[in-house]
C-alpha atoms as a PDB file:
ATOM      1  CA  MET A   1     127.887 -74.676 -10.846  1.00  0.00           C
ATOM      2  CA  ARG A   2     130.265 -77.391 -12.048  1.00  0.00           C
ATOM      3  CA  SER A   3     131.662 -77.974  -8.564  1.00  0.00           C
ATOM      4  CA  PHE A   4     128.113 -78.633  -7.310  1.00  0.00           C
ATOM      5  CA  PHE A   5     126.857 -80.557 -10.347  1.00  0.00           C
ATOM      6  CA  VAL A   6     129.651 -83.137 -10.556  1.00  0.00           C
ATOM      7  CA  PRO A   7     129.504 -84.276  -6.917  1.00  0.00           C
ATOM      8  CA  CYS A   8     125.715 -84.293  -7.164  1.00  0.00           C
ATOM      9  CA  MET A   9     125.804 -86.552 -10.227  1.00  0.00           C
ATOM     10  CA  GLN A  10     128.396 -88.720  -8.535  1.00  0.00           C
ATOM     11  CA  ARG A  11     126.086 -89.156  -5.560  1.00  0.00           C
ATOM     12  CA  ILE A  12     123.160 -90.004  -7.850  1.00  0.00           C
ATOM     13  CA  ALA A  13     125.276 -92.503  -9.787  1.00  0.00           C
ATOM     14  CA  ALA A  14     126.571 -94.080  -6.589  1.00  0.00           C
ATOM     15  CA  SER A  15     123.025 -94.311  -5.269  1.00  0.00           C
ATOM     16  CA  ALA A  16     121.889 -95.979  -8.471  1.00  0.00           C
ATOM     17  CA  ILE A  17     124.744 -98.463  -8.328  1.00  0.00           C
ATOM     18  CA  LEU A  18     123.905 -99.352  -4.716  1.00  0.00           C
ATOM     19  CA  SER A  19     120.255 -99.745  -5.645  1.00  0.00           C
ATOM     20  CA  ILE A  20     121.118-102.078  -8.515  1.00  0.00           C
ATOM     21  CA  ALA A  21     123.490-104.045  -6.277  1.00  0.00           C
ATOM     22  CA  ALA A  22     120.823-104.391  -3.599  1.00  0.00           C
ATOM     23  CA  THR A  23     118.269-105.516  -6.167  1.00  0.00           C
ATOM     24  CA  THR A  24     120.735-108.001  -7.623  1.00  0.00           C
ATOM     25  CA  SER A  25     121.612-109.296  -4.152  1.00  0.00           C
ATOM     26  CA  PHE A  26     117.925-109.723  -3.312  1.00  0.00           C
ATOM     27  CA  ALA A  27     117.302-111.580  -6.571  1.00  0.00           C
ATOM     28  CA  GLN A  28     120.207-113.891  -5.874  1.00  0.00           C
ATOM     29  CA  THR A  29     119.034-114.847  -2.397  1.00  0.00           C
ATOM     30  CA  ILE A  30     115.280-115.237  -2.956  1.00  0.00           C
ATOM     31  CA  CYS A  31     114.528-118.441  -4.835  1.00  0.00           C
ATOM     32  CA  PRO A  32     112.637-117.486  -8.032  1.00  0.00           C
ATOM     33  CA  PRO A  33     109.019-118.731  -8.037  1.00  0.00           C
ATOM     34  CA  ASP A  34     109.565-120.760 -11.224  1.00  0.00           C
ATOM     35  CA  ARG A  35     112.300-122.823  -9.506  1.00  0.00           C
ATOM     36  CA  PRO A  36     111.658-125.488  -6.865  1.00  0.00           C
ATOM     37  CA  VAL A  37     112.862-125.191  -3.295  1.00  0.00           C
ATOM     38  CA  ARG A  38     114.799-128.345  -2.431  1.00  0.00           C
ATOM     39  CA  MET A  39     114.573-129.412   1.213  1.00  0.00           C
ATOM     40  CA  VAL A  40     117.345-131.879   1.947  1.00  0.00           C
ATOM     41  CA  VAL A  41     116.702-134.405   4.723  1.00  0.00           C
ATOM     42  CA  PRO A  42     120.061-136.000   5.653  1.00  0.00           C
ATOM     43  CA  PHE A  43     118.375-139.153   6.959  1.00  0.00           C
ATOM     44  CA  PRO A  44     116.454-142.016   5.308  1.00  0.00           C
ATOM     45  CA  ALA A  45     112.797-141.819   4.316  1.00  0.00           C
ATOM     46  CA  GLY A  46     110.387-142.817   7.070  1.00  0.00           C
ATOM     47  CA  GLY A  47     112.407-141.357   9.963  1.00  0.00           C
ATOM     48  CA  GLY A  48     111.287-138.544  12.219  1.00  0.00           C
ATOM     49  CA  THR A  49     112.897-135.725  10.242  1.00  0.00           C
ATOM     50  CA  ASP A  50     111.500-137.102   6.985  1.00  0.00           C
ATOM     51  CA  ILE A  51     107.968-137.370   8.383  1.00  0.00           C
ATOM     52  CA  ILE A  52     107.984-133.762   9.570  1.00  0.00           C
ATOM     53  CA  ALA A  53     109.715-132.494   6.415  1.00  0.00           C
ATOM     54  CA  ARG A  54     107.062-133.953   4.129  1.00  0.00           C
ATOM     55  CA  ARG A  55     104.207-132.508   6.171  1.00  0.00           C
ATOM     56  CA  LEU A  56     105.928-129.134   6.303  1.00  0.00           C
ATOM     57  CA  ALA A  57     106.690-129.152   2.568  1.00  0.00           C
ATOM     58  CA  GLU A  58     102.970-129.384   1.781  1.00  0.00           C
ATOM     59  CA  HIS A  59     102.264-126.171   3.687  1.00  0.00           C
ATOM     60  CA  LEU A  60     105.303-124.354   2.320  1.00  0.00           C
ATOM     61  CA  ARG A  61     104.174-125.074  -1.241  1.00  0.00           C
ATOM     62  CA  ALA A  62     100.957-123.195  -0.560  1.00  0.00           C
ATOM     63  CA  ASP A  63     102.574-120.388   1.436  1.00  0.00           C
ATOM     64  CA  LEU A  64     105.523-119.724  -0.890  1.00  0.00           C
ATOM     65  CA  LYS A  65     103.478-120.468  -4.012  1.00  0.00           C
ATOM     66  CA  GLN A  66     106.199-122.624  -5.484  1.00  0.00           C
ATOM     67  CA  THR A  67     107.255-126.246  -5.607  1.00  0.00           C
ATOM     68  CA  VAL A  68     108.975-127.615  -2.482  1.00  0.00           C
ATOM     69  CA  LEU A  69     110.699-130.983  -2.909  1.00  0.00           C
ATOM     70  CA  VAL A  70     111.998-133.268  -0.136  1.00  0.00           C
ATOM     71  CA  ASP A  71     115.369-134.796  -1.055  1.00  0.00           C
ATOM     72  CA  ASN A  72     116.610-137.620   1.209  1.00  0.00           C
ATOM     73  CA  ARG A  73     120.420-137.749   1.273  1.00  0.00           C
ATOM     74  CA  ALA A  74     121.201-140.181   4.074  1.00  0.00           C
ATOM     75  CA  GLY A  75     124.472-141.482   5.470  1.00  0.00           C
ATOM     76  CA  ALA A  76     127.322-140.764   7.880  1.00  0.00           C
ATOM     77  CA  SER A  77     125.007-139.591  10.670  1.00  0.00           C
ATOM     78  CA  GLY A  78     123.621-136.824   8.476  1.00  0.00           C
ATOM     79  CA  ASN A  79     126.966-135.595   7.171  1.00  0.00           C
ATOM     80  CA  ILE A  80     126.399-136.615   3.530  1.00  0.00           C
ATOM     81  CA  GLY A  81     123.275-134.482   3.236  1.00  0.00           C
ATOM     82  CA  ALA A  82     124.875-131.615   5.139  1.00  0.00           C
ATOM     83  CA  ASP A  83     127.860-131.653   2.791  1.00  0.00           C
ATOM     84  CA  ASN A  84     125.513-131.434  -0.185  1.00  0.00           C
ATOM     85  CA  VAL A  85     123.781-128.355   1.231  1.00  0.00           C
ATOM     86  CA  ALA A  86     127.027-126.684   2.324  1.00  0.00           C
ATOM     87  CA  HIS A  87     128.287-126.822  -1.257  1.00  0.00           C
ATOM     88  CA  SER A  88     125.014-125.748  -2.880  1.00  0.00           C
ATOM     89  CA  ALA A  89     124.434-122.272  -4.280  1.00  0.00           C
ATOM     90  CA  ALA A  90     123.323-119.690  -1.704  1.00  0.00           C
ATOM     91  CA  ASP A  91     120.347-118.720  -3.856  1.00  0.00           C
ATOM     92  CA  GLY A  92     117.559-119.561  -1.415  1.00  0.00           C
ATOM     93  CA  CYS A  93     116.557-122.671  -3.390  1.00  0.00           C
ATOM     94  CA  THR A  94     118.303-125.225  -1.125  1.00  0.00           C
ATOM     95  CA  LEU A  95     117.388-125.894   2.505  1.00  0.00           C
ATOM     96  CA  MET A  96     118.090-128.668   4.990  1.00  0.00           C
ATOM     97  CA  LEU A  97     115.792-129.971   7.698  1.00  0.00           C
ATOM     98  CA  THR A  98     117.980-131.754  10.195  1.00  0.00           C
ATOM     99  CA  ALA A  99     118.324-132.684  13.847  1.00  0.00           C
ATOM    100  CA  ALA A 100     120.609-132.045  16.800  1.00  0.00           C
ATOM    101  CA  PRO A 101     123.492-134.315  15.601  1.00  0.00           C
ATOM    102  CA  PHE A 102     124.341-131.549  13.142  1.00  0.00           C
ATOM    103  CA  ALA A 103     125.502-129.239  15.947  1.00  0.00           C
ATOM    104  CA  ILE A 104     127.878-131.751  17.501  1.00  0.00           C
ATOM    105  CA  ALA A 105     129.362-133.107  14.261  1.00  0.00           C
ATOM    106  CA  PRO A 106     132.698-131.221  14.636  1.00  0.00           C
ATOM    107  CA  ALA A 107     133.229-132.721  18.082  1.00  0.00           C
ATOM    108  CA  VAL A 108     132.489-136.257  16.915  1.00  0.00           C
ATOM    109  CA  PHE A 109     133.988-136.491  13.434  1.00  0.00           C
ATOM    110  CA  LYS A 110     137.640-135.572  12.924  1.00  0.00           C
ATOM    111  CA  SER A 111     137.501-134.702   9.225  1.00  0.00           C
ATOM    112  CA  LEU A 112     134.413-132.889   7.986  1.00  0.00           C
ATOM    113  CA  SER A 113     134.027-131.140   4.652  1.00  0.00           C
ATOM    114  CA  PHE A 114     131.909-128.457   6.290  1.00  0.00           C
ATOM    115  CA  HIS A 115     131.452-126.506   9.516  1.00  0.00           C
ATOM    116  CA  PRO A 116     127.916-126.116  10.918  1.00  0.00           C
ATOM    117  CA  VAL A 117     128.364-122.389  11.595  1.00  0.00           C
ATOM    118  CA  LYS A 118     130.801-121.203   8.916  1.00  0.00           C
ATOM    119  CA  ASP A 119     129.120-123.033   6.031  1.00  0.00           C
ATOM    120  CA  PHE A 120     125.448-122.673   6.950  1.00  0.00           C
ATOM    121  CA  SER A 121     122.776-120.099   7.705  1.00  0.00           C
ATOM    122  CA  ALA A 122     120.314-120.964  10.478  1.00  0.00           C
ATOM    123  CA  VAL A 123     116.758-120.413   9.238  1.00  0.00           C
ATOM    124  CA  ALA A 124     114.171-121.848  11.649  1.00  0.00           C
ATOM    125  CA  LYS A 125     113.853-124.024  14.743  1.00  0.00           C
ATOM    126  CA  ILE A 126     110.673-126.057  14.532  1.00  0.00           C
ATOM    127  CA  ALA A 127     110.479-128.586  17.386  1.00  0.00           C
ATOM    128  CA  SER A 128     112.016-130.084  20.502  1.00  0.00           C
ATOM    129  CA  VAL A 129     112.364-133.833  20.034  1.00  0.00           C
ATOM    130  CA  PRO A 130     112.841-136.301  22.907  1.00  0.00           C
ATOM    131  CA  LEU A 131     114.306-139.747  22.361  1.00  0.00           C
ATOM    132  CA  LEU A 132     112.726-143.058  23.328  1.00  0.00           C
ATOM    133  CA  ILE A 133     114.350-146.178  24.722  1.00  0.00           C
ATOM    134  CA  VAL A 134     112.353-149.010  23.157  1.00  0.00           C
ATOM    135  CA  THR A 135     112.339-152.793  22.956  1.00  0.00           C
ATOM    136  CA  ARG A 136     110.138-155.488  21.408  1.00  0.00           C
ATOM    137  CA  THR A 137     106.858-156.199  23.186  1.00  0.00           C
ATOM    138  CA  ASP A 138     107.831-159.729  24.250  1.00  0.00           C
ATOM    139  CA  SER A 139     111.208-158.658  25.651  1.00  0.00           C
ATOM    140  CA  PRO A 140     111.979-159.637  29.252  1.00  0.00           C
ATOM    141  CA  LEU A 141     113.115-156.016  29.716  1.00  0.00           C
ATOM    142  CA  ARG A 142     110.034-154.241  31.010  1.00  0.00           C
ATOM    143  CA  SER A 143     111.674-151.214  32.619  1.00  0.00           C
ATOM    144  CA  ILE A 144     114.929-149.272  32.845  1.00  0.00           C
ATOM    145  CA  LYS A 145     115.526-151.069  36.145  1.00  0.00           C
ATOM    146  CA  ASP A 146     115.361-154.420  34.324  1.00  0.00           C
ATOM    147  CA  LEU A 147     117.762-153.077  31.681  1.00  0.00           C
ATOM    148  CA  VAL A 148     120.309-151.900  34.234  1.00  0.00           C
ATOM    149  CA  GLN A 149     120.178-155.176  36.159  1.00  0.00           C
ATOM    150  CA  ALA A 150     120.601-157.284  33.014  1.00  0.00           C
ATOM    151  CA  ALA A 151     123.484-155.153  31.752  1.00  0.00           C
ATOM    152  CA  LYS A 152     125.282-155.313  35.098  1.00  0.00           C
ATOM    153  CA  GLN A 153     124.911-159.090  35.265  1.00  0.00           C
ATOM    154  CA  LYS A 154     126.365-159.549  31.764  1.00  0.00           C
ATOM    155  CA  PRO A 155     128.457-156.526  30.742  1.00  0.00           C
ATOM    156  CA  ASP A 156     128.358-155.780  26.998  1.00  0.00           C
ATOM    157  CA  ALA A 157     125.778-158.516  26.370  1.00  0.00           C
ATOM    158  CA  ILE A 158     122.900-156.060  25.919  1.00  0.00           C
ATOM    159  CA  SER A 159     122.894-154.481  22.462  1.00  0.00           C
ATOM    160  CA  TYR A 160     121.439-151.059  21.721  1.00  0.00           C
ATOM    161  CA  GLY A 161     120.754-149.702  18.277  1.00  0.00           C
ATOM    162  CA  THR A 162     120.833-146.062  17.166  1.00  0.00           C
ATOM    163  CA  PHE A 163     120.739-144.173  13.883  1.00  0.00           C
ATOM    164  CA  GLY A 164     124.483-143.620  13.688  1.00  0.00           C
ATOM    165  CA  ASN A 165     127.832-143.187  15.405  1.00  0.00           C
ATOM    166  CA  GLY A 166     128.052-139.841  17.142  1.00  0.00           C
ATOM    167  CA  ALA A 167     124.316-139.186  16.834  1.00  0.00           C
ATOM    168  CA  PRO A 168     122.455-138.074  19.988  1.00  0.00           C
ATOM    169  CA  PRO A 169     120.980-141.562  20.621  1.00  0.00           C
ATOM    170  CA  HIS A 170     124.522-142.951  20.647  1.00  0.00           C
ATOM    171  CA  LEU A 171     125.607-140.275  23.108  1.00  0.00           C
ATOM    172  CA  VAL A 172     122.492-140.812  25.233  1.00  0.00           C
ATOM    173  CA  GLY A 173     123.321-144.518  25.405  1.00  0.00           C
ATOM    174  CA  ALA A 174     126.875-143.732  26.447  1.00  0.00           C
ATOM    175  CA  ARG A 175     125.656-141.313  29.105  1.00  0.00           C
ATOM    176  CA  MET A 176     123.115-143.838  30.427  1.00  0.00           C
ATOM    177  CA  GLN A 177     125.912-146.363  30.901  1.00  0.00           C
ATOM    178  CA  GLU A 178     128.096-143.817  32.647  1.00  0.00           C
ATOM    179  CA  LEU A 179     125.361-142.661  35.011  1.00  0.00           C
ATOM    180  CA  GLY A 180     123.944-146.136  35.622  1.00  0.00           C
ATOM    181  CA  GLY A 181     127.255-147.940  36.032  1.00  0.00           C
ATOM    182  CA  PHE A 182     126.689-150.620  33.365  1.00  0.00           C
ATOM    183  CA  ARG A 183     127.943-151.528  29.872  1.00  0.00           C
ATOM    184  CA  MET A 184     126.108-152.221  26.606  1.00  0.00           C
ATOM    185  CA  THR A 185     127.219-152.808  23.019  1.00  0.00           C
ATOM    186  CA  HIS A 186     126.403-150.094  20.500  1.00  0.00           C
ATOM    187  CA  VAL A 187     125.060-151.100  17.058  1.00  0.00           C
ATOM    188  CA  PRO A 188     124.793-148.124  14.648  1.00  0.00           C
ATOM    189  CA  TYR A 189     122.401-148.044  11.673  1.00  0.00           C
ATOM    190  CA  LYS A 190     121.899-145.603   8.814  1.00  0.00           C
ATOM    191  CA  GLY A 191     118.458-144.691  10.153  1.00  0.00           C
ATOM    192  CA  GLY A 192     115.697-145.744  12.506  1.00  0.00           C
ATOM    193  CA  GLN A 193     113.819-147.603   9.782  1.00  0.00           C
ATOM    194  CA  ALA A 194     116.920-149.653   8.984  1.00  0.00           C
ATOM    195  CA  ALA A 195     117.106-150.766  12.618  1.00  0.00           C
ATOM    196  CA  LEU A 196     113.423-151.594  12.934  1.00  0.00           C
ATOM    197  CA  PRO A 197     113.522-155.208  11.647  1.00  0.00           C
ATOM    198  CA  ASP A 198     116.284-156.065  14.124  1.00  0.00           C
ATOM    199  CA  ILE A 199     114.385-154.432  16.990  1.00  0.00           C
ATOM    200  CA  LEU A 200     111.207-156.352  16.190  1.00  0.00           C
ATOM    201  CA  SER A 201     113.006-159.669  15.645  1.00  0.00           C
ATOM    202  CA  GLY A 202     115.024-159.466  18.846  1.00  0.00           C
ATOM    203  CA  GLN A 203     118.395-159.111  17.133  1.00  0.00           C
ATOM    204  CA  LEU A 204     118.668-155.895  19.125  1.00  0.00           C
ATOM    205  CA  ASP A 205     117.820-155.866  22.810  1.00  0.00           C
ATOM    206  CA  ILE A 206     116.869-152.181  22.843  1.00  0.00           C
ATOM    207  CA  ALA A 207     117.052-149.156  20.583  1.00  0.00           C
ATOM    208  CA  ILE A 208     117.290-145.441  21.265  1.00  0.00           C
ATOM    209  CA  MET A 209     115.366-143.586  18.578  1.00  0.00           C
ATOM    210  CA  ASP A 210     113.475-140.357  17.926  1.00  0.00           C
ATOM    211  CA  VAL A 211     110.005-140.096  19.392  1.00  0.00           C
ATOM    212  CA  VAL A 212     108.380-139.065  16.091  1.00  0.00           C
ATOM    213  CA  SER A 213     109.076-142.304  14.207  1.00  0.00           C
ATOM    214  CA  MET A 214     108.692-144.632  17.224  1.00  0.00           C
ATOM    215  CA  THR A 215     105.434-143.370  18.754  1.00  0.00           C
ATOM    216  CA  PRO A 216     103.117-144.981  16.136  1.00  0.00           C
ATOM    217  CA  LEU A 217     104.848-148.340  16.680  1.00  0.00           C
ATOM    218  CA  ILE A 218     104.389-148.085  20.436  1.00  0.00           C
ATOM    219  CA  ARG A 219     100.732-147.132  20.119  1.00  0.00           C
ATOM    220  CA  SER A 220     100.100-150.028  17.750  1.00  0.00           C
ATOM    221  CA  GLY A 221     101.653-152.473  20.216  1.00  0.00           C
ATOM    222  CA  ARG A 222     104.638-153.424  18.051  1.00  0.00           C
ATOM    223  CA  LEU A 223     107.173-151.918  20.449  1.00  0.00           C
ATOM    224  CA  ARG A 224     107.389-151.214  24.177  1.00  0.00           C
ATOM    225  CA  ALA A 225     108.830-147.935  25.467  1.00  0.00           C
ATOM    226  CA  LEU A 226     110.979-148.138  28.582  1.00  0.00           C
ATOM    227  CA  ALA A 227     111.621-144.398  29.018  1.00  0.00           C
ATOM    228  CA  ILE A 228     111.748-141.046  27.263  1.00  0.00           C
ATOM    229  CA  THR A 229     114.413-138.354  27.483  1.00  0.00           C
ATOM    230  CA  GLY A 230     113.591-134.833  28.580  1.00  0.00           C
ATOM    231  CA  PRO A 231     112.439-133.135  31.773  1.00  0.00           C
ATOM    232  CA  GLN A 232     108.793-134.221  31.449  1.00  0.00           C
ATOM    233  CA  ARG A 233     106.595-136.961  30.035  1.00  0.00           C
ATOM    234  CA  THR A 234     104.969-136.449  26.677  1.00  0.00           C
ATOM    235  CA  SER A 235     101.204-136.228  26.284  1.00  0.00           C
ATOM    236  CA  ALA A 236     101.500-138.614  23.340  1.00  0.00           C
ATOM    237  CA  LEU A 237     102.764-141.393  25.659  1.00  0.00           C
ATOM    238  CA  PRO A 238     101.702-140.356  29.168  1.00  0.00           C
ATOM    239  CA  ASP A 239     102.473-143.749  30.733  1.00  0.00           C
ATOM    240  CA  VAL A 240     106.107-143.721  29.659  1.00  0.00           C
ATOM    241  CA  PRO A 241     108.395-142.377  32.426  1.00  0.00           C
ATOM    242  CA  THR A 242     111.262-140.001  31.818  1.00  0.00           C
ATOM    243  CA  LEU A 243     114.753-141.410  32.210  1.00  0.00           C
ATOM    244  CA  SER A 244     115.116-139.421  35.422  1.00  0.00           C
ATOM    245  CA  GLN A 245     111.881-140.877  36.780  1.00  0.00           C
ATOM    246  CA  ALA A 246     113.144-144.329  35.806  1.00  0.00           C
ATOM    247  CA  GLY A 247     116.312-143.866  37.839  1.00  0.00           C
ATOM    248  CA  ILE A 248     118.887-142.332  35.450  1.00  0.00           C
ATOM    249  CA  ALA A 249     119.217-138.570  35.914  1.00  0.00           C
ATOM    250  CA  PHE A 250     119.350-137.416  32.292  1.00  0.00           C
ATOM    251  CA  ASP A 251     116.924-134.923  30.741  1.00  0.00           C
ATOM    252  CA  THR A 252     118.495-133.626  27.512  1.00  0.00           C
ATOM    253  CA  VAL A 253     116.271-133.347  24.421  1.00  0.00           C
ATOM    254  CA  GLY A 254     117.028-132.877  20.735  1.00  0.00           C
ATOM    255  CA  TRP A 255     115.531-130.558  18.135  1.00  0.00           C
ATOM    256  CA  TYR A 256     114.571-130.228  14.482  1.00  0.00           C
ATOM    257  CA  GLY A 257     115.809-127.168  12.616  1.00  0.00           C
ATOM    258  CA  ILE A 258     116.102-125.736   9.121  1.00  0.00           C
ATOM    259  CA  PHE A 259     119.323-124.416   7.607  1.00  0.00           C
ATOM    260  CA  GLY A 260     120.544-123.092   4.282  1.00  0.00           C
ATOM    261  CA  PRO A 261     123.987-122.573   2.749  1.00  0.00           C
ATOM    262  CA  ALA A 262     126.136-119.790   4.178  1.00  0.00           C
ATOM    263  CA  LYS A 263     125.545-116.321   2.745  1.00  0.00           C
ATOM    264  CA  MET A 264     122.053-117.163   1.531  1.00  0.00           C
ATOM    265  CA  GLY A 265     121.075-113.722   2.751  1.00  0.00           C
ATOM    266  CA  GLY A 266     118.895-112.371   5.520  1.00  0.00           C
ATOM    267  CA  SER A 267     116.019-111.636   3.154  1.00  0.00           C
ATOM    268  CA  SER A 268     115.781-115.278   2.109  1.00  0.00           C
ATOM    269  CA  ALA A 269     116.252-116.624   5.637  1.00  0.00           C
ATOM    270  CA  ASP A 270     113.588-114.275   6.996  1.00  0.00           C
ATOM    271  CA  ARG A 271     111.170-115.209   4.211  1.00  0.00           C
ATOM    272  CA  ILE A 272     111.553-118.945   4.860  1.00  0.00           C
ATOM    273  CA  ASN A 273     111.504-118.438   8.637  1.00  0.00           C
ATOM    274  CA  ALA A 274     108.187-116.593   8.455  1.00  0.00           C
ATOM    275  CA  ALA A 275     106.655-119.248   6.172  1.00  0.00           C
ATOM    276  CA  VAL A 276     107.892-122.105   8.376  1.00  0.00           C
ATOM    277  CA  ASN A 277     106.629-120.440  11.562  1.00  0.00           C
ATOM    278  CA  ARG A 278     103.217-119.884   9.977  1.00  0.00           C
ATOM    279  CA  ALA A 279     103.091-123.529   8.937  1.00  0.00           C
ATOM    280  CA  MET A 280     104.168-124.864  12.336  1.00  0.00           C
ATOM    281  CA  ALA A 281     101.462-122.770  14.016  1.00  0.00           C
ATOM    282  CA  LEU A 282      98.702-124.430  11.976  1.00  0.00           C
ATOM    283  CA  PRO A 283      96.463-126.808  13.976  1.00  0.00           C
ATOM    284  CA  ASP A 284      97.327-129.883  11.900  1.00  0.00           C
ATOM    285  CA  MET A 285     101.081-129.330  12.244  1.00  0.00           C
ATOM    286  CA  ARG A 286     100.832-128.714  15.982  1.00  0.00           C
ATOM    287  CA  LYS A 287      98.719-131.839  16.342  1.00  0.00           C
ATOM    288  CA  ALA A 288     101.191-133.859  14.275  1.00  0.00           C
ATOM    289  CA  LEU A 289     104.050-132.779  16.546  1.00  0.00           C
ATOM    290  CA  LEU A 290     102.193-133.352  19.800  1.00  0.00           C
ATOM    291  CA  ASP A 291     100.726-136.687  18.683  1.00  0.00           C
ATOM    292  CA  SER A 292     104.219-137.876  17.805  1.00  0.00           C
ATOM    293  CA  GLY A 293     105.650-136.823  21.153  1.00  0.00           C
ATOM    294  CA  ALA A 294     107.581-133.800  19.877  1.00  0.00           C
ATOM    295  CA  LEU A 295     107.008-130.305  21.238  1.00  0.00           C
ATOM    296  CA  PRO A 296     106.363-127.104  19.243  1.00  0.00           C
ATOM    297  CA  ILE A 297     108.770-124.219  19.832  1.00  0.00           C
ATOM    298  CA  GLU A 298     106.951-121.370  21.568  1.00  0.00           C
ATOM    299  CA  PRO A 299     107.540-118.614  20.811  1.00  0.00           C
ATOM    300  CA  ALA A 300     109.073-119.482  17.451  1.00  0.00           C
ATOM    301  CA  PRO A 301     112.456-117.743  17.079  1.00  0.00           C
ATOM    302  CA  THR A 302     113.432-115.496  14.194  1.00  0.00           C
ATOM    303  CA  ALA A 303     116.225-116.638  11.905  1.00  0.00           C
ATOM    304  CA  ALA A 304     118.665-114.350  13.738  1.00  0.00           C
ATOM    305  CA  GLN A 305     117.597-115.677  17.148  1.00  0.00           C
ATOM    306  CA  TRP A 306     117.948-119.283  16.009  1.00  0.00           C
ATOM    307  CA  GLN A 307     121.398-118.496  14.570  1.00  0.00           C
ATOM    308  CA  THR A 308     122.545-117.113  17.922  1.00  0.00           C
ATOM    309  CA  GLU A 309     121.160-120.106  19.837  1.00  0.00           C
ATOM    310  CA  PHE A 310     122.654-122.578  17.384  1.00  0.00           C
ATOM    311  CA  ASN A 311     126.093-120.946  17.453  1.00  0.00           C
ATOM    312  CA  GLU A 312     126.210-121.515  21.214  1.00  0.00           C
ATOM    313  CA  GLN A 313     125.621-125.251  20.743  1.00  0.00           C
ATOM    314  CA  VAL A 314     128.444-125.880  18.285  1.00  0.00           C
END
């Protein structure tokens, strides 16, 4: 009797301990409803990621039934905000909505305080985001052909602004020069909004910026778009040719995605992923993306699928 009873009680005790551990783990990785979820945007207010983050936060508040705050932590091409999230508690209460520069940070910056894969959990991929090559409306540059000709006539005289060293717009500009056989001078800013006054005043000849923040300015007539990256034109700006159509064979696009600290737990990542995917499927969110020139992700990946895809990019 004893030989049966003791192992039996040991199994029951072990089961209870595992159950408590699982419950504790779950509690630690699901943000309690009385605490706010902080969504870090590692770029300035008014940029493309910020615009989408604030719209998304409104829907997540209703879906998750808790406060969702947008926290702009700009600087160093998104690295300041990423560092903040990497060193936050993995309790499900801290997220980051960022863009494609995050994946290439290790290849661009020699000393980072974080690694995009080792220090983060991929949660959701929400949009594909082309980039626009823009100039002021009274610029003599009316096409990519004009840009190439001007840059070849006076190497390095044409200036192009982006939202940071090593960011995709910077790399797109470098690739354009390589493929087109011309040279420009790069002028980095801390965000698209910081560059805007210089674009409008003519201090900058052109800028390469995200489609979300630039589309309203093009529609209002404040800026002229010379081309858009990606394999196809956007319905938001149907008259703007792709770079390939304009004569430079380049069709890469960026993305917006959501991440959390490493070890935040599958339960938390899956919960946020489901809420984000529900929000992005709503008519007003789809319209906001399409009207801005971005493209919804269809079908929306699970957290695990996005993690696998992201790992391959880093």
